[in-house]
C-alpha atoms as a PDB file:
ATOM      1  CA  UNK A   1     109.197 112.945  83.385  1.00  0.00           C
ATOM      2  CA  UNK A   2     112.316 114.866  84.140  1.00  0.00           C
ATOM      3  CA  UNK A   3     111.841 118.083  86.090  1.00  0.00           C
ATOM      4  CA  UNK A   4     114.498 120.710  86.715  1.00  0.00           C
ATOM      5  CA  UNK A   5     114.923 123.946  88.618  1.00  0.00           C
ATOM      6  CA  UNK A   6     117.655 126.480  89.131  1.00  0.00           C
ATOM      7  CA  UNK A   7     119.008 126.687  92.676  1.00  0.00           C
ATOM      8  CA  UNK A   8     120.140 129.848  94.459  1.00  0.00           C
ATOM      9  CA  UNK A   9     123.797 128.992  93.838  1.00  0.00           C
ATOM     10  CA  UNK A  10     123.185 128.864  90.067  1.00  0.00           C
ATOM     11  CA  UNK A  11     123.324 125.076  89.755  1.00  0.00           C
ATOM     12  CA  UNK A  12     120.552 123.028  88.155  1.00  0.00           C
ATOM     13  CA  UNK A  13     118.719 120.357  90.139  1.00  0.00           C
ATOM     14  CA  UNK A  14     116.850 117.584  88.324  1.00  0.00           C
ATOM     15  CA  UNK A  15     114.208 115.226  89.675  1.00  0.00           C
ATOM     16  CA  UNK A  16     112.332 112.379  88.012  1.00  0.00           C
ATOM     17  CA  UNK A  17     108.567 112.391  88.519  1.00  0.00           C
ATOM     18  CA  UNK A  18     106.388 109.306  88.087  1.00  0.00           C
ATOM     19  CA  UNK A  19     102.702 109.662  87.280  1.00  0.00           C
ATOM     20  CA  UNK A  20      99.897 107.251  86.419  1.00  0.00           C
ATOM     21  CA  UNK A  21      96.171 107.325  85.808  1.00  0.00           C
ATOM     22  CA  UNK A  22      93.473 104.929  86.840  1.00  0.00           C
ATOM     23  CA  UNK A  23      92.216 102.427  84.256  1.00  0.00           C
ATOM     24  CA  UNK A  24      89.460 103.601  81.928  1.00  0.00           C
ATOM     25  CA  UNK A  25      86.679 101.403  80.608  1.00  0.00           C
ATOM     26  CA  UNK A  26      86.418 101.693  76.837  1.00  0.00           C
ATOM     27  CA  UNK A  27      83.944  99.711  74.750  1.00  0.00           C
ATOM     28  CA  UNK A  28      81.532 100.150  71.850  1.00  0.00           C
ATOM     29  CA  UNK A  29      79.351 102.568  73.825  1.00  0.00           C
ATOM     30  CA  UNK A  30      82.113 104.399  75.752  1.00  0.00           C
ATOM     31  CA  UNK A  31      84.930 106.223  73.962  1.00  0.00           C
ATOM     32  CA  UNK A  32      88.295 107.010  75.517  1.00  0.00           C
ATOM     33  CA  UNK A  33      88.122 110.482  77.076  1.00  0.00           C
ATOM     34  CA  UNK A  34      91.447 112.039  76.102  1.00  0.00           C
ATOM     35  CA  UNK A  35      90.536 115.400  77.641  1.00  0.00           C
ATOM     36  CA  UNK A  36      89.930 113.761  81.037  1.00  0.00           C
ATOM     37  CA  UNK A  37      93.251 111.912  80.824  1.00  0.00           C
ATOM     38  CA  UNK A  38      95.111 115.141  79.995  1.00  0.00           C
ATOM     39  CA  UNK A  39      93.321 116.977  82.820  1.00  0.00           C
ATOM     40  CA  UNK A  40      94.265 114.208  85.262  1.00  0.00           C
ATOM     41  CA  UNK A  41      97.868 114.324  84.066  1.00  0.00           C
ATOM     42  CA  UNK A  42      98.021 118.122  84.446  1.00  0.00           C
ATOM     43  CA  UNK A  43      96.471 117.905  87.925  1.00  0.00           C
ATOM     44  CA  UNK A  44      99.170 115.442  89.012  1.00  0.00           C
ATOM     45  CA  UNK A  45     101.906 117.760  87.731  1.00  0.00           C
ATOM     46  CA  UNK A  46     100.254 120.707  89.495  1.00  0.00           C
ATOM     47  CA  UNK A  47     100.113 118.692  92.719  1.00  0.00           C
ATOM     48  CA  UNK A  48     103.815 117.824  92.254  1.00  0.00           C
ATOM     49  CA  UNK A  49     104.596 121.567  92.156  1.00  0.00           C
ATOM     50  CA  UNK A  50     101.970 122.633  94.713  1.00  0.00           C
ATOM     51  CA  UNK A  51     104.443 123.010  97.573  1.00  0.00           C
ATOM     52  CA  UNK A  52     106.412 125.766  95.857  1.00  0.00           C
ATOM     53  CA  UNK A  53     109.090 123.569  94.346  1.00  0.00           C
ATOM     54  CA  UNK A  54     109.057 125.600  91.079  1.00  0.00           C
ATOM     55  CA  UNK A  55     110.175 122.664  88.944  1.00  0.00           C
ATOM     56  CA  UNK A  56     109.837 122.914  85.168  1.00  0.00           C
ATOM     57  CA  UNK A  57     109.242 119.973  82.846  1.00  0.00           C
ATOM     58  CA  UNK A  58     112.369 119.234  80.839  1.00  0.00           C
ATOM     59  CA  UNK A  59     111.066 116.254  78.878  1.00  0.00           C
ATOM     60  CA  UNK A  60     108.954 113.125  79.093  1.00  0.00           C
ATOM     61  CA  UNK A  61     111.215 110.116  79.568  1.00  0.00           C
ATOM     62  CA  UNK A  62     108.583 107.425  79.050  1.00  0.00           C
ATOM     63  CA  UNK A  63     104.901 107.370  78.082  1.00  0.00           C
ATOM     64  CA  UNK A  64     103.046 104.062  78.095  1.00  0.00           C
ATOM     65  CA  UNK A  65      99.476 103.256  77.085  1.00  0.00           C
ATOM     66  CA  UNK A  66      98.331  99.752  77.991  1.00  0.00           C
ATOM     67  CA  UNK A  67      95.272  98.258  76.319  1.00  0.00           C
ATOM     68  CA  UNK A  68      93.984  94.899  77.489  1.00  0.00           C
ATOM     69  CA  UNK A  69      90.843  92.832  77.205  1.00  0.00           C
ATOM     70  CA  UNK A  70      88.545  92.929  80.197  1.00  0.00           C
ATOM     71  CA  UNK A  71      86.893  89.636  81.041  1.00  0.00           C
ATOM     72  CA  UNK A  72      84.737  90.172  84.121  1.00  0.00           C
ATOM     73  CA  UNK A  73      84.487  87.328  86.566  1.00  0.00           C
ATOM     74  CA  UNK A  74      81.088  85.811  87.150  1.00  0.00           C
ATOM     75  CA  UNK A  75      79.759  82.964  89.197  1.00  0.00           C
ATOM     76  CA  UNK A  76      78.912  79.758  87.393  1.00  0.00           C
ATOM     77  CA  UNK A  77      78.147  77.226  90.106  1.00  0.00           C
ATOM     78  CA  UNK A  78      77.356  76.839  93.793  1.00  0.00           C
ATOM     79  CA  UNK A  79      80.047  75.624  96.154  1.00  0.00           C
ATOM     80  CA  UNK A  80      78.935  74.478  99.596  1.00  0.00           C
ATOM     81  CA  UNK A  81      80.562  76.173 102.561  1.00  0.00           C
ATOM     82  CA  UNK A  82      83.047  73.930 104.383  1.00  0.00           C
ATOM     83  CA  UNK A  83      81.602  72.668 107.684  1.00  0.00           C
ATOM     84  CA  UNK A  84      84.332  74.249 109.793  1.00  0.00           C
ATOM     85  CA  UNK A  85      83.214  77.671 108.517  1.00  0.00           C
ATOM     86  CA  UNK A  86      79.461  76.942 108.334  1.00  0.00           C
ATOM     87  CA  UNK A  87      79.401  75.805 111.988  1.00  0.00           C
ATOM     88  CA  UNK A  88      80.727  79.196 113.093  1.00  0.00           C
ATOM     89  CA  UNK A  89      77.588  80.894 111.682  1.00  0.00           C
ATOM     90  CA  UNK A  90      79.693  83.779 110.382  1.00  0.00           C
ATOM     91  CA  UNK A  91      79.290  83.405 106.615  1.00  0.00           C
ATOM     92  CA  UNK A  92      76.224  83.546 104.375  1.00  0.00           C
ATOM     93  CA  UNK A  93      76.581  81.375 101.287  1.00  0.00           C
ATOM     94  CA  UNK A  94      73.823  82.421  98.884  1.00  0.00           C
ATOM     95  CA  UNK A  95      72.487  79.709  96.621  1.00  0.00           C
ATOM     96  CA  UNK A  96      70.745  81.111  93.558  1.00  0.00           C
END
């Protein structure tokens, strides 16, 4: 986003602001919460201006939505602990 403000000498100052949100889990039972994303975005802009900088949003330079498949990792087999680590008695290797 490009922010701008008018300085005391009449000149305009511009600053680029970069914002991001945390990933959201979306599946058949959970919809994307657009209102929460907008609220998060507005909170970040408010925090950007919270120190009295009085910047105004000129325009959004780039807006990216990334959607990817989520394949959670899961254990599939037992691997014995190497002896050098097992002899230290500092690791618990759970065998299911």
